[in-house]
Amino acid sequence: MEKSKLKDQLKQLERIIKWFDEQEEIDVEAGLNKVKEGVVLIKEGRKRLGELENEFEKVKAELKEETEITEE
């Protein structure tokens, strides 16, 4: 699966949850496939959140450096 936006991953997870909510009787095999799909999305989402956090920290550090230089 290609790198997708976190927003898109969350929408896909919402669709999976909705699917489960709409089922009167859940086909075990179909349910298992949905769970597997959800796990992949959660793992990718966590990874993307980590990447975004690293980017944020980098920008924050750059801003701090600039502020320290201008204060001198």
N, C-alpha and C. Protein backbone atom coordinates (compact mmCIF):
# COMPACT_ATOMS: atom_id res chain seq x y z
N MET A 1 0.85 -1.18 0.00
CA MET A 1 0.00 0.00 0.00
C MET A 1 0.90 1.24 0.00
N GLU A 2 0.63 2.16 -0.88
CA GLU A 2 1.47 3.34 -0.95
C GLU A 2 1.20 4.26 0.24
N LYS A 3 2.16 5.12 0.49
CA LYS A 3 2.06 6.05 1.61
C LYS A 3 0.86 6.97 1.39
N SER A 4 -0.10 6.87 2.27
CA SER A 4 -1.29 7.70 2.12
C SER A 4 -1.38 8.68 3.28
N LYS A 5 -2.26 9.62 3.12
CA LYS A 5 -2.44 10.61 4.16
C LYS A 5 -3.12 9.99 5.36
N LEU A 6 -2.77 10.49 6.52
CA LEU A 6 -3.35 10.00 7.75
C LEU A 6 -4.87 10.16 7.72
N LYS A 7 -5.34 11.25 7.17
CA LYS A 7 -6.78 11.50 7.07
C LYS A 7 -7.47 10.39 6.28
N ASP A 8 -6.86 9.96 5.19
CA ASP A 8 -7.43 8.88 4.37
C ASP A 8 -7.45 7.56 5.13
N GLN A 9 -6.41 7.31 5.90
CA GLN A 9 -6.36 6.08 6.68
C GLN A 9 -7.45 6.06 7.73
N LEU A 10 -7.68 7.20 8.36
CA LEU A 10 -8.73 7.27 9.37
C LEU A 10 -10.12 7.07 8.75
N LYS A 11 -10.31 7.61 7.54
CA LYS A 11 -11.59 7.40 6.85
C LYS A 11 -11.79 5.92 6.54
N GLN A 12 -10.73 5.24 6.14
CA GLN A 12 -10.84 3.82 5.84
C GLN A 12 -11.18 3.03 7.11
N LEU A 13 -10.57 3.41 8.23
CA LEU A 13 -10.89 2.75 9.49
C LEU A 13 -12.35 2.99 9.88
N GLU A 14 -12.83 4.20 9.64
CA GLU A 14 -14.24 4.50 9.92
C GLU A 14 -15.16 3.62 9.08
N ARG A 15 -14.79 3.39 7.83
CA ARG A 15 -15.60 2.53 6.96
C ARG A 15 -15.64 1.09 7.49
N ILE A 16 -14.52 0.62 7.99
CA ILE A 16 -14.47 -0.73 8.56
C ILE A 16 -15.37 -0.81 9.79
N ILE A 17 -15.28 0.17 10.65
CA ILE A 17 -16.12 0.19 11.85
C ILE A 17 -17.60 0.23 11.46
N LYS A 18 -17.92 1.05 10.48
CA LYS A 18 -19.31 1.15 10.01
C LYS A 18 -19.78 -0.20 9.47
N TRP A 19 -18.89 -0.88 8.74
CA TRP A 19 -19.24 -2.19 8.19
C TRP A 19 -19.64 -3.14 9.32
N PHE A 20 -18.83 -3.18 10.38
CA PHE A 20 -19.14 -4.06 11.52
C PHE A 20 -20.47 -3.65 12.17
N ASP A 21 -20.66 -2.34 12.33
CA ASP A 21 -21.90 -1.85 12.95
C ASP A 21 -23.14 -2.23 12.15
N GLU A 22 -23.02 -2.30 10.85
CA GLU A 22 -24.16 -2.57 9.98
C GLU A 22 -24.49 -4.05 9.83
N GLN A 23 -23.63 -4.92 10.29
CA GLN A 23 -23.83 -6.36 10.11
C GLN A 23 -24.76 -6.90 11.19
N GLU A 24 -25.79 -7.62 10.76
CA GLU A 24 -26.64 -8.31 11.72
C GLU A 24 -25.98 -9.63 12.10
N GLU A 25 -25.47 -10.32 11.10
CA GLU A 25 -24.69 -11.53 11.31
C GLU A 25 -23.38 -11.35 10.59
N ILE A 26 -22.31 -11.48 11.32
CA ILE A 26 -21.00 -11.24 10.71
C ILE A 26 -20.44 -12.55 10.17
N ASP A 27 -20.09 -12.50 8.90
CA ASP A 27 -19.37 -13.60 8.26
C ASP A 27 -17.97 -13.60 8.88
N VAL A 28 -17.60 -14.68 9.54
CA VAL A 28 -16.33 -14.74 10.27
C VAL A 28 -15.15 -14.46 9.35
N GLU A 29 -15.14 -15.04 8.16
CA GLU A 29 -14.03 -14.83 7.24
C GLU A 29 -13.97 -13.37 6.77
N ALA A 30 -15.11 -12.80 6.44
CA ALA A 30 -15.14 -11.39 6.01
C ALA A 30 -14.73 -10.49 7.17
N GLY A 31 -15.20 -10.82 8.37
CA GLY A 31 -14.83 -10.05 9.55
C GLY A 31 -13.34 -10.09 9.82
N LEU A 32 -12.76 -11.27 9.67
CA LEU A 32 -11.32 -11.43 9.87
C LEU A 32 -10.54 -10.59 8.86
N ASN A 33 -10.98 -10.59 7.62
CA ASN A 33 -10.32 -9.77 6.59
C ASN A 33 -10.40 -8.29 6.92
N LYS A 34 -11.55 -7.86 7.44
CA LYS A 34 -11.71 -6.45 7.83
C LYS A 34 -10.77 -6.11 9.00
N VAL A 35 -10.66 -7.03 9.95
CA VAL A 35 -9.76 -6.81 11.09
C VAL A 35 -8.32 -6.71 10.61
N LYS A 36 -7.92 -7.60 9.72
CA LYS A 36 -6.56 -7.56 9.17
C LYS A 36 -6.30 -6.24 8.46
N GLU A 37 -7.28 -5.79 7.67
CA GLU A 37 -7.16 -4.52 6.97
C GLU A 37 -7.02 -3.37 7.98
N GLY A 38 -7.80 -3.44 9.04
CA GLY A 38 -7.73 -2.41 10.08
C GLY A 38 -6.37 -2.38 10.77
N VAL A 39 -5.82 -3.55 11.02
CA VAL A 39 -4.50 -3.63 11.68
C VAL A 39 -3.44 -2.98 10.80
N VAL A 40 -3.49 -3.24 9.51
CA VAL A 40 -2.53 -2.62 8.58
C VAL A 40 -2.67 -1.10 8.62
N LEU A 41 -3.91 -0.62 8.58
CA LEU A 41 -4.14 0.82 8.61
C LEU A 41 -3.65 1.44 9.92
N ILE A 42 -3.88 0.76 11.03
CA ILE A 42 -3.42 1.27 12.33
C ILE A 42 -1.90 1.34 12.37
N LYS A 43 -1.23 0.30 11.89
CA LYS A 43 0.24 0.29 11.87
C LYS A 43 0.78 1.43 11.00
N GLU A 44 0.17 1.59 9.82
CA GLU A 44 0.60 2.66 8.92
C GLU A 44 0.33 4.03 9.54
N GLY A 45 -0.81 4.16 10.21
CA GLY A 45 -1.16 5.41 10.86
C GLY A 45 -0.18 5.77 11.96
N ARG A 46 0.19 4.79 12.77
CA ARG A 46 1.17 5.02 13.83
C ARG A 46 2.52 5.44 13.25
N LYS A 47 2.90 4.76 12.18
CA LYS A 47 4.18 5.10 11.53
C LYS A 47 4.14 6.54 11.02
N ARG A 48 3.03 6.89 10.36
CA ARG A 48 2.90 8.25 9.81
C ARG A 48 2.87 9.29 10.93
N LEU A 49 2.20 8.98 12.04
CA LEU A 49 2.20 9.90 13.17
C LEU A 49 3.61 10.12 13.69
N GLY A 50 4.39 9.05 13.74
CA GLY A 50 5.79 9.17 14.17
C GLY A 50 6.59 10.05 13.23
N GLU A 51 6.36 9.88 11.93
CA GLU A 51 7.06 10.71 10.94
C GLU A 51 6.67 12.18 11.11
N LEU A 52 5.39 12.42 11.30
CA LEU A 52 4.92 13.80 11.47
C LEU A 52 5.49 14.41 12.75
N GLU A 53 5.57 13.61 13.79
CA GLU A 53 6.13 14.09 15.05
C GLU A 53 7.61 14.47 14.87
N ASN A 54 8.35 13.63 14.14
CA ASN A 54 9.75 13.92 13.88
C ASN A 54 9.91 15.20 13.07
N GLU A 55 9.05 15.39 12.07
CA GLU A 55 9.09 16.62 11.27
C GLU A 55 8.79 17.83 12.14
N PHE A 56 7.80 17.71 13.01
CA PHE A 56 7.44 18.80 13.91
C PHE A 56 8.60 19.15 14.83
N GLU A 57 9.24 18.15 15.40
CA GLU A 57 10.38 18.37 16.30
C GLU A 57 11.54 19.05 15.56
N LYS A 58 11.75 18.66 14.31
CA LYS A 58 12.81 19.27 13.51
C LYS A 58 12.52 20.75 13.29
N VAL A 59 11.29 21.07 12.92
CA VAL A 59 10.91 22.46 12.69
C VAL A 59 11.02 23.25 14.00
N LYS A 60 10.60 22.65 15.08
CA LYS A 60 10.67 23.29 16.39
C LYS A 60 12.12 23.60 16.77
N ALA A 61 13.02 22.64 16.52
CA ALA A 61 14.44 22.84 16.83
C ALA A 61 15.04 23.95 15.96
N GLU A 62 14.65 23.98 14.68
CA GLU A 62 15.15 25.03 13.78
C GLU A 62 14.67 26.40 14.25
N LEU A 63 13.44 26.48 14.67
CA LEU A 63 12.89 27.74 15.15
C LEU A 63 13.60 28.19 16.42
N LYS A 64 13.89 27.24 17.29
CA LYS A 64 14.61 27.56 18.53
C LYS A 64 16.00 28.08 18.22
N GLU A 65 16.69 27.45 17.26
CA GLU A 65 18.02 27.91 16.86
C GLU A 65 17.97 29.33 16.32
N GLU A 66 17.01 29.60 15.46
CA GLU A 66 16.87 30.93 14.89
C GLU A 66 16.59 31.96 15.97
N THR A 67 15.76 31.61 16.92
CA THR A 67 15.43 32.53 18.00
C THR A 67 16.66 32.82 18.85
N GLU A 68 17.46 31.81 19.14
CA GLU A 68 18.67 32.00 19.93
C GLU A 68 19.68 32.85 19.20
N ILE A 69 19.79 32.68 17.89
CA ILE A 69 20.75 33.47 17.10
C ILE A 69 20.31 34.93 17.08
N THR A 70 19.06 35.20 16.90
CA THR A 70 18.58 36.59 16.82
C THR A 70 18.62 37.28 18.17
N GLU A 71 18.59 36.53 19.26
CA GLU A 71 18.65 37.13 20.60
C GLU A 71 20.05 37.53 20.97
N GLU A 72 21.06 37.00 20.31
CA GLU A 72 22.46 37.31 20.65
C GLU A 72 22.90 38.62 20.11
